[in-house]
């Protein structure tokens, strides 16, 4: 069973280049710090998307539903590398913006479909 978690948000105005530089310096560490069952797939900027989709989009592959709890625990652990990096990442986000989304996607072939689908 596979899932893709999608997190997107707007960045603070004028911070895109700073974020790009920070991400370039830290992206491998972000990937390496994900807990077991989670695989960082990357952070992307949309070339075109819905207006309210957010500036940046991060995708993480999850083995199962429970991996969400492992990510939350690691993010809340002040002694974990993942928690440190995620807090730095979040410091670039525009807290006043309502743009962005969080979504969890499951493979169609693994999904339980009822009726005519």
PDB file of N, CA and C in Angstrom:
ATOM      1  N   UNK A   1       0.859  -1.167   0.000  1.00  0.00           N
ATOM      2  CA  UNK A   1       0.000   0.000   0.000  1.00  0.00           C
ATOM      3  C   UNK A   1       0.900   1.224   0.000  1.00  0.00           C
ATOM      4  N   UNK A   2       0.633   2.185  -0.848  1.00  0.00           N
ATOM      5  CA  UNK A   2       1.448   3.379  -0.924  1.00  0.00           C
ATOM      6  C   UNK A   2       0.626   4.647  -0.861  1.00  0.00           C
ATOM      7  N   UNK A   3       1.208   5.660  -0.258  1.00  0.00           N
ATOM      8  CA  UNK A   3       0.578   6.966  -0.140  1.00  0.00           C
ATOM      9  C   UNK A   3       1.578   8.037  -0.551  1.00  0.00           C
ATOM     10  N   UNK A   4       1.060   9.148  -1.005  1.00  0.00           N
ATOM     11  CA  UNK A   4       1.863  10.342  -1.231  1.00  0.00           C
ATOM     12  C   UNK A   4       1.228  11.451  -0.403  1.00  0.00           C
ATOM     13  N   UNK A   5       2.011  12.029   0.493  1.00  0.00           N
ATOM     14  CA  UNK A   5       1.572  13.201   1.249  1.00  0.00           C
ATOM     15  C   UNK A   5       2.064  14.438   0.513  1.00  0.00           C
ATOM     16  N   UNK A   6       1.185  15.414   0.382  1.00  0.00           N
ATOM     17  CA  UNK A   6       1.480  16.649  -0.344  1.00  0.00           C
ATOM     18  C   UNK A   6       1.228  17.815   0.602  1.00  0.00           C
ATOM     19  N   UNK A   7       2.249  18.634   0.798  1.00  0.00           N
ATOM     20  CA  UNK A   7       2.160  19.817   1.643  1.00  0.00           C
ATOM     21  C   UNK A   7       2.553  21.021   0.797  1.00  0.00           C
ATOM     22  N   UNK A   8       1.725  22.053   0.770  1.00  0.00           N
ATOM     23  CA  UNK A   8       2.097  23.252   0.029  1.00  0.00           C
ATOM     24  C   UNK A   8       1.752  24.487   0.842  1.00  0.00           C
ATOM     25  N   UNK A   9       2.461  25.569   0.558  1.00  0.00           N
ATOM     26  CA  UNK A   9       2.246  26.817   1.274  1.00  0.00           C
ATOM     27  C   UNK A   9       2.869  27.964   0.496  1.00  0.00           C
ATOM     28  N   UNK A  10       2.409  29.163   0.812  1.00  0.00           N
ATOM     29  CA  UNK A  10       3.064  30.365   0.313  1.00  0.00           C
ATOM     30  C   UNK A  10       4.250  30.677   1.217  1.00  0.00           C
ATOM     31  N   UNK A  11       5.272  31.265   0.628  1.00  0.00           N
ATOM     32  CA  UNK A  11       6.412  31.723   1.401  1.00  0.00           C
ATOM     33  C   UNK A  11       6.227  33.193   1.748  1.00  0.00           C
ATOM     34  N   UNK A  12       6.952  33.632   2.772  1.00  0.00           N
ATOM     35  CA  UNK A  12       6.942  35.059   3.097  1.00  0.00           C
ATOM     36  C   UNK A  12       7.343  35.837   1.854  1.00  0.00           C
ATOM     37  N   UNK A  13       6.685  36.975   1.613  1.00  0.00           N
ATOM     38  CA  UNK A  13       7.023  37.785   0.438  1.00  0.00           C
ATOM     39  C   UNK A  13       8.518  38.122   0.393  1.00  0.00           C
ATOM     40  N   UNK A  14       9.108  37.938  -0.783  1.00  0.00           N
ATOM     41  CA  UNK A  14      10.515  38.241  -0.986  1.00  0.00           C
ATOM     42  C   UNK A  14      11.480  37.199  -0.463  1.00  0.00           C
ATOM     43  N   UNK A  15      10.993  36.041  -0.025  1.00  0.00           N
ATOM     44  CA  UNK A  15      11.858  35.016   0.573  1.00  0.00           C
ATOM     45  C   UNK A  15      12.126  33.811  -0.325  1.00  0.00           C
ATOM     46  N   UNK A  16      11.613  33.824  -1.555  1.00  0.00           N
ATOM     47  CA  UNK A  16      11.772  32.657  -2.422  1.00  0.00           C
ATOM     48  C   UNK A  16      13.245  32.341  -2.678  1.00  0.00           C
ATOM     49  N   UNK A  17      14.059  33.330  -2.993  1.00  0.00           N
ATOM     50  CA  UNK A  17      15.480  33.054  -3.266  1.00  0.00           C
ATOM     51  C   UNK A  17      16.194  32.575  -2.009  1.00  0.00           C
ATOM     52  N   UNK A  18      15.867  33.156  -0.851  1.00  0.00           N
ATOM     53  CA  UNK A  18      16.455  32.692   0.409  1.00  0.00           C
ATOM     54  C   UNK A  18      16.066  31.239   0.666  1.00  0.00           C
ATOM     55  N   UNK A  19      14.799  30.918   0.420  1.00  0.00           N
ATOM     56  CA  UNK A  19      14.336  29.543   0.604  1.00  0.00           C
ATOM     57  C   UNK A  19      15.040  28.604  -0.368  1.00  0.00           C
ATOM     58  N   UNK A  20      15.186  29.035  -1.614  1.00  0.00           N
ATOM     59  CA  UNK A  20      15.858  28.213  -2.613  1.00  0.00           C
ATOM     60  C   UNK A  20      17.288  27.889  -2.169  1.00  0.00           C
ATOM     61  N   UNK A  21      17.999  28.885  -1.662  1.00  0.00           N
ATOM     62  CA  UNK A  21      19.372  28.670  -1.186  1.00  0.00           C
ATOM     63  C   UNK A  21      19.394  27.765   0.044  1.00  0.00           C
ATOM     64  N   UNK A  22      18.466  27.994   0.971  1.00  0.00           N
ATOM     65  CA  UNK A  22      18.402  27.154   2.167  1.00  0.00           C
ATOM     66  C   UNK A  22      18.116  25.710   1.783  1.00  0.00           C
ATOM     67  N   UNK A  23      17.150  25.513   0.870  1.00  0.00           N
ATOM     68  CA  UNK A  23      16.788  24.163   0.455  1.00  0.00           C
ATOM     69  C   UNK A  23      17.954  23.474  -0.252  1.00  0.00           C
ATOM     70  N   UNK A  24      18.655  24.200  -1.101  1.00  0.00           N
ATOM     71  CA  UNK A  24      19.806  23.617  -1.794  1.00  0.00           C
ATOM     72  C   UNK A  24      20.859  23.126  -0.792  1.00  0.00           C
ATOM     73  N   UNK A  25      21.022  23.841   0.294  1.00  0.00           N
ATOM     74  CA  UNK A  25      22.008  23.469   1.304  1.00  0.00           C
ATOM     75  C   UNK A  25      21.519  22.357   2.227  1.00  0.00           C
ATOM     76  N   UNK A  26      20.197  22.168   2.317  1.00  0.00           N
ATOM     77  CA  UNK A  26      19.645  21.250   3.318  1.00  0.00           C
ATOM     78  C   UNK A  26      18.803  20.104   2.782  1.00  0.00           C
ATOM     79  N   UNK A  27      18.583  20.044   1.473  1.00  0.00           N
ATOM     80  CA  UNK A  27      17.644  19.055   0.940  1.00  0.00           C
ATOM     81  C   UNK A  27      18.091  17.611   1.200  1.00  0.00           C
ATOM     82  N   UNK A  28      19.357  17.320   1.065  1.00  0.00           N
ATOM     83  CA  UNK A  28      19.811  15.951   1.330  1.00  0.00           C
ATOM     84  C   UNK A  28      19.635  15.596   2.806  1.00  0.00           C
ATOM     85  N   UNK A  29      19.913  16.544   3.686  1.00  0.00           N
ATOM     86  CA  UNK A  29      19.723  16.302   5.115  1.00  0.00           C
ATOM     87  C   UNK A  29      18.244  16.085   5.431  1.00  0.00           C
ATOM     88  N   UNK A  30      17.369  16.822   4.766  1.00  0.00           N
ATOM     89  CA  UNK A  30      15.930  16.618   4.946  1.00  0.00           C
ATOM     90  C   UNK A  30      15.568  15.188   4.550  1.00  0.00           C
ATOM     91  N   UNK A  31      16.029  14.769   3.385  1.00  0.00           N
ATOM     92  CA  UNK A  31      15.730  13.410   2.906  1.00  0.00           C
ATOM     93  C   UNK A  31      16.265  12.367   3.882  1.00  0.00           C
ATOM     94  N   UNK A  32      17.483  12.559   4.348  1.00  0.00           N
ATOM     95  CA  UNK A  32      18.111  11.587   5.241  1.00  0.00           C
ATOM     96  C   UNK A  32      17.460  11.534   6.617  1.00  0.00           C
ATOM     97  N   UNK A  33      16.828  12.622   7.033  1.00  0.00           N
ATOM     98  CA  UNK A  33      16.276  12.690   8.391  1.00  0.00           C
ATOM     99  C   UNK A  33      14.849  12.152   8.508  1.00  0.00           C
ATOM    100  N   UNK A  34      14.208  11.838   7.399  1.00  0.00           N
ATOM    101  CA  UNK A  34      12.841  11.310   7.477  1.00  0.00           C
ATOM    102  C   UNK A  34      12.841   9.973   8.221  1.00  0.00           C
ATOM    103  N   UNK A  35      11.822   9.754   9.060  1.00  0.00           N
ATOM    104  CA  UNK A  35      11.764   8.489   9.792  1.00  0.00           C
ATOM    105  C   UNK A  35      11.485   7.301   8.871  1.00  0.00           C
ATOM    106  N   UNK A  36      11.718   6.122   9.398  1.00  0.00           N
ATOM    107  CA  UNK A  36      11.455   4.891   8.648  1.00  0.00           C
ATOM    108  C   UNK A  36      10.019   4.888   8.154  1.00  0.00           C
ATOM    109  N   UNK A  37       9.829   4.461   6.920  1.00  0.00           N
ATOM    110  CA  UNK A  37       8.500   4.404   6.324  1.00  0.00           C
ATOM    111  C   UNK A  37       8.128   5.647   5.547  1.00  0.00           C
ATOM    112  N   UNK A  38       8.981   6.680   5.626  1.00  0.00           N
ATOM    113  CA  UNK A  38       8.723   7.927   4.891  1.00  0.00           C
ATOM    114  C   UNK A  38       9.914   8.210   3.988  1.00  0.00           C
ATOM    115  N   UNK A  39       9.628   8.566   2.749  1.00  0.00           N
ATOM    116  CA  UNK A  39      10.685   8.892   1.790  1.00  0.00           C
ATOM    117  C   UNK A  39      10.397  10.261   1.197  1.00  0.00           C
ATOM    118  N   UNK A  40      11.293  11.201   1.435  1.00  0.00           N
ATOM    119  CA  UNK A  40      11.174  12.548   0.884  1.00  0.00           C
ATOM    120  C   UNK A  40      11.355  12.475  -0.626  1.00  0.00           C
ATOM    121  N   UNK A  41      10.377  12.971  -1.371  1.00  0.00           N
ATOM    122  CA  UNK A  41      10.445  12.936  -2.833  1.00  0.00           C
ATOM    123  C   UNK A  41      10.907  14.256  -3.427  1.00  0.00           C
ATOM    124  N   UNK A  42      10.808  15.325  -2.658  1.00  0.00           N
ATOM    125  CA  UNK A  42      11.295  16.611  -3.140  1.00  0.00           C
ATOM    126  C   UNK A  42      10.331  17.740  -2.863  1.00  0.00           C
ATOM    127  N   UNK A  43      10.849  18.940  -3.025  1.00  0.00           N
ATOM    128  CA  UNK A  43      10.065  20.163  -2.895  1.00  0.00           C
ATOM    129  C   UNK A  43      10.118  20.875  -4.234  1.00  0.00           C
ATOM    130  N   UNK A  44       8.955  21.263  -4.721  1.00  0.00           N
ATOM    131  CA  UNK A  44       8.814  21.790  -6.074  1.00  0.00           C
ATOM    132  C   UNK A  44       8.125  23.144  -6.050  1.00  0.00           C
ATOM    133  N   UNK A  45       8.375  23.917  -7.079  1.00  0.00           N
ATOM    134  CA  UNK A  45       7.627  25.134  -7.335  1.00  0.00           C
ATOM    135  C   UNK A  45       6.748  24.840  -8.551  1.00  0.00           C
ATOM    136  N   UNK A  46       5.494  25.276  -8.480  1.00  0.00           N
ATOM    137  CA  UNK A  46       4.566  25.009  -9.581  1.00  0.00           C
ATOM    138  C   UNK A  46       4.850  25.952 -10.746  1.00  0.00           C
ATOM    139  N   UNK A  47       4.953  25.400 -11.923  1.00  0.00           N
ATOM    140  CA  UNK A  47       5.094  26.208 -13.133  1.00  0.00           C
ATOM    141  C   UNK A  47       3.726  26.792 -13.495  1.00  0.00           C
ATOM    142  N   UNK A  48       2.685  25.995 -13.334  1.00  0.00           N
ATOM    143  CA  UNK A  48       1.319  26.488 -13.407  1.00  0.00           C
ATOM    144  C   UNK A  48       0.465  25.638 -12.478  1.00  0.00           C
ATOM    145  N   UNK A  49      -0.497  26.285 -11.826  1.00  0.00           N
ATOM    146  CA  UNK A  49      -1.362  25.597 -10.864  1.00  0.00           C
ATOM    147  C   UNK A  49      -2.524  26.516 -10.528  1.00  0.00           C
ATOM    148  N   UNK A  50      -3.474  25.998  -9.767  1.00  0.00           N
ATOM    149  CA  UNK A  50      -4.553  26.839  -9.267  1.00  0.00           C
ATOM    150  C   UNK A  50      -3.962  27.996  -8.491  1.00  0.00           C
ATOM    151  N   UNK A  51      -4.625  29.126  -8.549  1.00  0.00           N
ATOM    152  CA  UNK A  51      -4.115  30.348  -7.938  1.00  0.00           C
ATOM    153  C   UNK A  51      -3.831  30.180  -6.446  1.00  0.00           C
ATOM    154  N   UNK A  52      -4.612  29.409  -5.741  1.00  0.00           N
ATOM    155  CA  UNK A  52      -4.463  29.262  -4.302  1.00  0.00           C
ATOM    156  C   UNK A  52      -3.666  28.022  -3.906  1.00  0.00           C
ATOM    157  N   UNK A  53      -2.896  27.465  -4.829  1.00  0.00           N
ATOM    158  CA  UNK A  53      -2.202  26.213  -4.574  1.00  0.00           C
ATOM    159  C   UNK A  53      -0.995  26.356  -3.670  1.00  0.00           C
ATOM    160  N   UNK A  54      -0.451  27.562  -3.525  1.00  0.00           N
ATOM    161  CA  UNK A  54       0.749  27.761  -2.717  1.00  0.00           C
ATOM    162  C   UNK A  54       1.979  27.890  -3.594  1.00  0.00           C
ATOM    163  N   UNK A  55       3.022  28.495  -3.022  1.00  0.00           N
ATOM    164  CA  UNK A  55       4.267  28.735  -3.762  1.00  0.00           C
ATOM    165  C   UNK A  55       5.113  27.479  -3.926  1.00  0.00           C
ATOM    166  N   UNK A  56       5.224  26.703  -2.856  1.00  0.00           N
ATOM    167  CA  UNK A  56       6.084  25.520  -2.877  1.00  0.00           C
ATOM    168  C   UNK A  56       5.293  24.289  -2.459  1.00  0.00           C
ATOM    169  N   UNK A  57       5.699  23.146  -3.004  1.00  0.00           N
ATOM    170  CA  UNK A  57       4.986  21.884  -2.804  1.00  0.00           C
ATOM    171  C   UNK A  57       5.995  20.804  -2.427  1.00  0.00           C
ATOM    172  N   UNK A  58       5.779  20.184  -1.293  1.00  0.00           N
ATOM    173  CA  UNK A  58       6.652  19.104  -0.836  1.00  0.00           C
ATOM    174  C   UNK A  58       5.873  17.795  -0.892  1.00  0.00           C
ATOM    175  N   UNK A  59       6.536  16.762  -1.404  1.00  0.00           N
ATOM    176  CA  UNK A  59       5.921  15.448  -1.556  1.00  0.00           C
ATOM    177  C   UNK A  59       6.729  14.413  -0.787  1.00  0.00           C
ATOM    178  N   UNK A  60       6.012  13.572  -0.031  1.00  0.00           N
ATOM    179  CA  UNK A  60       6.641  12.527   0.773  1.00  0.00           C
ATOM    180  C   UNK A  60       5.877  11.229   0.536  1.00  0.00           C
ATOM    181  N   UNK A  61       6.600  10.180   0.228  1.00  0.00           N
ATOM    182  CA  UNK A  61       5.989   8.856   0.077  1.00  0.00           C
ATOM    183  C   UNK A  61       5.902   8.207   1.455  1.00  0.00           C
ATOM    184  N   UNK A  62       4.734   7.642   1.770  1.00  0.00           N
ATOM    185  CA  UNK A  62       4.502   6.985   3.055  1.00  0.00           C
ATOM    186  C   UNK A  62       4.167   5.520   2.828  1.00  0.00           C
ATOM    187  N   UNK A  63       4.736   4.655   3.652  1.00  0.00           N
ATOM    188  CA  UNK A  63       4.446   3.220   3.554  1.00  0.00           C
ATOM    189  C   UNK A  63       3.028   2.883   3.985  1.00  0.00           C
ATOM    190  N   UNK A  64       2.530   3.579   5.007  1.00  0.00           N
ATOM    191  CA  UNK A  64       1.209   3.273   5.550  1.00  0.00           C
ATOM    192  C   UNK A  64       0.678   4.486   6.314  1.00  0.00           C
ATOM    193  N   UNK A  65      -0.557   4.390   6.767  1.00  0.00           N
ATOM    194  CA  UNK A  65      -1.174   5.492   7.508  1.00  0.00           C
ATOM    195  C   UNK A  65      -0.368   5.858   8.756  1.00  0.00           C
ATOM    196  N   UNK A  66       0.147   4.861   9.451  1.00  0.00           N
ATOM    197  CA  UNK A  66       0.868   5.088  10.700  1.00  0.00           C
ATOM    198  C   UNK A  66       2.120   5.928  10.546  1.00  0.00           C
ATOM    199  N   UNK A  67       2.669   5.972   9.355  1.00  0.00           N
ATOM    200  CA  UNK A  67       3.873   6.764   9.135  1.00  0.00           C
ATOM    201  C   UNK A  67       3.606   8.249   9.369  1.00  0.00           C
ATOM    202  N   UNK A  68       2.361   8.680   9.209  1.00  0.00           N
ATOM    203  CA  UNK A  68       2.020  10.070   9.519  1.00  0.00           C
ATOM    204  C   UNK A  68       2.316  10.380  10.983  1.00  0.00           C
ATOM    205  N   UNK A  69       2.043   9.421  11.863  1.00  0.00           N
ATOM    206  CA  UNK A  69       2.329   9.607  13.286  1.00  0.00           C
ATOM    207  C   UNK A  69       3.838   9.686  13.533  1.00  0.00           C
ATOM    208  N   UNK A  70       4.605   8.878  12.817  1.00  0.00           N
ATOM    209  CA  UNK A  70       6.066   8.928  12.961  1.00  0.00           C
ATOM    210  C   UNK A  70       6.617  10.276  12.515  1.00  0.00           C
ATOM    211  N   UNK A  71       6.068  10.823  11.425  1.00  0.00           N
ATOM    212  CA  UNK A  71       6.486  12.157  10.968  1.00  0.00           C
ATOM    213  C   UNK A  71       6.136  13.220  11.999  1.00  0.00           C
ATOM    214  N   UNK A  72       4.935  13.150  12.545  1.00  0.00           N
ATOM    215  CA  UNK A  72       4.515  14.130  13.547  1.00  0.00           C
ATOM    216  C   UNK A  72       5.411  14.054  14.783  1.00  0.00           C
ATOM    217  N   UNK A  73       5.706  12.849  15.231  1.00  0.00           N
ATOM    218  CA  UNK A  73       6.556  12.687  16.419  1.00  0.00           C
ATOM    219  C   UNK A  73       7.958  13.222  16.157  1.00  0.00           C
ATOM    220  N   UNK A  74       8.512  12.915  14.999  1.00  0.00           N
ATOM    221  CA  UNK A  74       9.857  13.408  14.667  1.00  0.00           C
ATOM    222  C   UNK A  74       9.862  14.929  14.545  1.00  0.00           C
ATOM    223  N   UNK A  75       8.800  15.488  13.980  1.00  0.00           N
ATOM    224  CA  UNK A  75       8.716  16.935  13.837  1.00  0.00           C
ATOM    225  C   UNK A  75       8.590  17.657  15.168  1.00  0.00           C
ATOM    226  N   UNK A  76       8.008  16.984  16.152  1.00  0.00           N
ATOM    227  CA  UNK A  76       7.843  17.574  17.481  1.00  0.00           C
ATOM    228  C   UNK A  76       8.993  17.273  18.426  1.00  0.00           C
ATOM    229  N   UNK A  77       9.940  16.461  18.003  1.00  0.00           N
ATOM    230  CA  UNK A  77      11.083  16.105  18.842  1.00  0.00           C
ATOM    231  C   UNK A  77      12.161  17.175  18.707  1.00  0.00           C
ATOM    232  N   UNK A  78      12.393  17.972  19.745  1.00  0.00           N
ATOM    233  CA  UNK A  78      13.374  19.054  19.640  1.00  0.00           C
ATOM    234  C   UNK A  78      14.807  18.557  19.457  1.00  0.00           C
ATOM    235  N   UNK A  79      15.033  17.274  19.698  1.00  0.00           N
ATOM    236  CA  UNK A  79      16.380  16.714  19.555  1.00  0.00           C
ATOM    237  C   UNK A  79      16.606  16.005  18.225  1.00  0.00           C
ATOM    238  N   UNK A  80      15.565  15.952  17.369  1.00  0.00           N
ATOM    239  CA  UNK A  80      15.733  15.237  16.100  1.00  0.00           C
ATOM    240  C   UNK A  80      16.174  16.191  14.999  1.00  0.00           C
ATOM    241  N   UNK A  81      16.970  15.681  14.094  1.00  0.00           N
ATOM    242  CA  UNK A  81      17.403  16.456  12.933  1.00  0.00           C
ATOM    243  C   UNK A  81      16.205  16.813  12.064  1.00  0.00           C
ATOM    244  N   UNK A  82      15.289  15.888  11.923  1.00  0.00           N
ATOM    245  CA  UNK A  82      14.073  16.152  11.148  1.00  0.00           C
ATOM    246  C   UNK A  82      13.300  17.324  11.752  1.00  0.00           C
ATOM    247  N   UNK A  83      13.093  17.304  13.057  1.00  0.00           N
ATOM    248  CA  UNK A  83      12.377  18.388  13.720  1.00  0.00           C
ATOM    249  C   UNK A  83      13.067  19.734  13.533  1.00  0.00           C
ATOM    250  N   UNK A  84      14.386  19.749  13.655  1.00  0.00           N
ATOM    251  CA  UNK A  84      15.135  20.990  13.464  1.00  0.00           C
ATOM    252  C   UNK A  84      14.945  21.520  12.049  1.00  0.00           C
ATOM    253  N   UNK A  85      15.101  20.643  11.059  1.00  0.00           N
ATOM    254  CA  UNK A  85      14.990  21.063   9.662  1.00  0.00           C
ATOM    255  C   UNK A  85      13.578  21.501   9.300  1.00  0.00           C
ATOM    256  N   UNK A  86      12.584  20.791   9.782  1.00  0.00           N
ATOM    257  CA  UNK A  86      11.207  21.158   9.478  1.00  0.00           C
ATOM    258  C   UNK A  86      10.867  22.509  10.103  1.00  0.00           C
ATOM    259  N   UNK A  87      11.358  22.779  11.300  1.00  0.00           N
ATOM    260  CA  UNK A  87      11.123  24.082  11.910  1.00  0.00           C
ATOM    261  C   UNK A  87      11.803  25.193  11.130  1.00  0.00           C
ATOM    262  N   UNK A  88      12.989  24.946  10.595  1.00  0.00           N
ATOM    263  CA  UNK A  88      13.638  25.937   9.736  1.00  0.00           C
ATOM    264  C   UNK A  88      12.827  26.143   8.458  1.00  0.00           C
ATOM    265  N   UNK A  89      12.364  25.053   7.862  1.00  0.00           N
ATOM    266  CA  UNK A  89      11.537  25.118   6.650  1.00  0.00           C
ATOM    267  C   UNK A  89      10.313  25.982   6.914  1.00  0.00           C
ATOM    268  N   UNK A  90       9.624  25.720   8.006  1.00  0.00           N
ATOM    269  CA  UNK A  90       8.394  26.431   8.331  1.00  0.00           C
ATOM    270  C   UNK A  90       8.649  27.916   8.572  1.00  0.00           C
ATOM    271  N   UNK A  91       9.849  28.270   8.982  1.00  0.00           N
ATOM    272  CA  UNK A  91      10.145  29.685   9.237  1.00  0.00           C
ATOM    273  C   UNK A  91      10.059  30.531   7.968  1.00  0.00           C
ATOM    274  N   UNK A  92      10.098  29.911   6.798  1.00  0.00           N
ATOM    275  CA  UNK A  92       9.964  30.628   5.532  1.00  0.00           C
ATOM    276  C   UNK A  92       8.503  30.827   5.113  1.00  0.00           C
ATOM    277  N   UNK A  93       7.572  30.112   5.739  1.00  0.00           N
ATOM    278  CA  UNK A  93       6.166  30.126   5.323  1.00  0.00           C
ATOM    279  C   UNK A  93       5.469  31.401   5.777  1.00  0.00           C
ATOM    280  N   UNK A  94       4.654  31.946   4.897  1.00  0.00           N
ATOM    281  CA  UNK A  94       3.845  33.129   5.182  1.00  0.00           C
ATOM    282  C   UNK A  94       2.665  32.697   6.052  1.00  0.00           C
ATOM    283  N   UNK A  95       2.721  33.021   7.317  1.00  0.00           N
ATOM    284  CA  UNK A  95       1.684  32.604   8.265  1.00  0.00           C
ATOM    285  C   UNK A  95       0.367  33.368   8.067  1.00  0.00           C
ATOM    286  N   UNK A  96       0.384  34.449   7.292  1.00  0.00           N
ATOM    287  CA  UNK A  96      -0.824  35.235   7.044  1.00  0.00           C
ATOM    288  C   UNK A  96      -1.590  34.746   5.816  1.00  0.00           C
ATOM    289  N   UNK A  97      -0.950  33.937   4.991  1.00  0.00           N
ATOM    290  CA  UNK A  97      -1.569  33.467   3.756  1.00  0.00           C
ATOM    291  C   UNK A  97      -2.489  32.281   4.025  1.00  0.00           C
ATOM    292  N   UNK A  98      -3.579  32.253   3.314  1.00  0.00           N
ATOM    293  CA  UNK A  98      -4.488  31.106   3.373  1.00  0.00           C
ATOM    294  C   UNK A  98      -4.269  30.161   2.200  1.00  0.00           C
ATOM    295  N   UNK A  99      -3.291  30.449   1.355  1.00  0.00           N
ATOM    296  CA  UNK A  99      -3.027  29.600   0.196  1.00  0.00           C
ATOM    297  C   UNK A  99      -2.228  28.374   0.625  1.00  0.00           C
ATOM    298  N   UNK A 100      -2.430  27.315  -0.094  1.00  0.00           N
ATOM    299  CA  UNK A 100      -1.710  26.077   0.179  1.00  0.00           C
ATOM    300  C   UNK A 100      -2.681  24.959   0.473  1.00  0.00           C
ATOM    301  N   UNK A 101      -2.121  23.776   0.612  1.00  0.00           N
ATOM    302  CA  UNK A 101      -2.959  22.610   0.844  1.00  0.00           C
ATOM    303  C   UNK A 101      -2.140  21.506   1.501  1.00  0.00           C
ATOM    304  N   UNK A 102      -2.811  20.656   2.208  1.00  0.00           N
ATOM    305  CA  UNK A 102      -2.237  19.410   2.696  1.00  0.00           C
ATOM    306  C   UNK A 102      -3.159  18.314   2.194  1.00  0.00           C
ATOM    307  N   UNK A 103      -2.582  17.299   1.595  1.00  0.00           N
ATOM    308  CA  UNK A 103      -3.406  16.217   1.046  1.00  0.00           C
ATOM    309  C   UNK A 103      -2.666  14.903   1.187  1.00  0.00           C
ATOM    310  N   UNK A 104      -3.433  13.835   1.276  1.00  0.00           N
ATOM    311  CA  UNK A 104      -2.877  12.492   1.296  1.00  0.00           C
ATOM    312  C   UNK A 104      -3.512  11.723   0.149  1.00  0.00           C
ATOM    313  N   UNK A 105      -2.674  11.178  -0.712  1.00  0.00           N
ATOM    314  CA  UNK A 105      -3.136  10.451  -1.889  1.00  0.00           C
ATOM    315  C   UNK A 105      -2.818   8.969  -1.730  1.00  0.00           C
ATOM    316  N   UNK A 106      -3.761   8.140  -2.147  1.00  0.00           N
ATOM    317  CA  UNK A 106      -3.587   6.688  -2.125  1.00  0.00           C
ATOM    318  C   UNK A 106      -3.732   6.175  -3.549  1.00  0.00           C
ATOM    319  N   UNK A 107      -2.946   5.177  -3.893  1.00  0.00           N
ATOM    320  CA  UNK A 107      -3.041   4.601  -5.237  1.00  0.00           C
ATOM    321  C   UNK A 107      -4.472   4.136  -5.515  1.00  0.00           C
ATOM    322  N   UNK A 108      -4.941   4.432  -6.706  1.00  0.00           N
ATOM    323  CA  UNK A 108      -6.285   4.003  -7.096  1.00  0.00           C
ATOM    324  C   UNK A 108      -6.399   2.488  -6.990  1.00  0.00           C
ATOM    325  N   UNK A 109      -5.370   1.772  -7.370  1.00  0.00           N
ATOM    326  CA  UNK A 109      -5.427   0.306  -7.355  1.00  0.00           C
ATOM    327  C   UNK A 109      -5.448  -0.264  -5.942  1.00  0.00           C
ATOM    328  N   UNK A 110      -5.112   0.549  -4.923  1.00  0.00           N
ATOM    329  CA  UNK A 110      -5.160   0.109  -3.525  1.00  0.00           C
ATOM    330  C   UNK A 110      -6.383   0.642  -2.806  1.00  0.00           C
ATOM    331  N   UNK A 111      -7.099   1.570  -3.405  1.00  0.00           N
ATOM    332  CA  UNK A 111      -8.216   2.222  -2.723  1.00  0.00           C
ATOM    333  C   UNK A 111      -9.439   1.324  -2.680  1.00  0.00           C
ATOM    334  N   UNK A 112     -10.210   1.454  -1.619  1.00  0.00           N
ATOM    335  CA  UNK A 112     -11.479   0.762  -1.514  1.00  0.00           C
ATOM    336  C   UNK A 112     -12.533   1.632  -2.168  1.00  0.00           C
ATOM    337  N   UNK A 113     -13.145   1.140  -3.215  1.00  0.00           N
ATOM    338  CA  UNK A 113     -14.160   1.879  -3.946  1.00  0.00           C
ATOM    339  C   UNK A 113     -15.496   1.172  -3.795  1.00  0.00           C
ATOM    340  N   UNK A 114     -16.528   1.957  -3.591  1.00  0.00           N
ATOM    341  CA  UNK A 114     -17.855   1.396  -3.386  1.00  0.00           C
ATOM    342  C   UNK A 114     -18.777   1.790  -4.536  1.00  0.00           C
ATOM    343  N   UNK A 115     -19.747   0.960  -4.812  1.00  0.00           N
ATOM    344  CA  UNK A 115     -20.726   1.266  -5.844  1.00  0.00           C
ATOM    345  C   UNK A 115     -20.076   1.372  -7.209  1.00  0.00           C
ATOM    346  N   UNK A 116     -20.507   2.364  -7.954  1.00  0.00           N
ATOM    347  CA  UNK A 116     -19.978   2.560  -9.307  1.00  0.00           C
ATOM    348  C   UNK A 116     -18.687   3.346  -9.299  1.00  0.00           C
ATOM    349  N   UNK A 117     -18.194   3.720  -8.129  1.00  0.00           N
ATOM    350  CA  UNK A 117     -16.924   4.426  -8.012  1.00  0.00           C
ATOM    351  C   UNK A 117     -17.014   5.795  -8.498  1.00  0.00           C
TER     352      UNK A 117
END
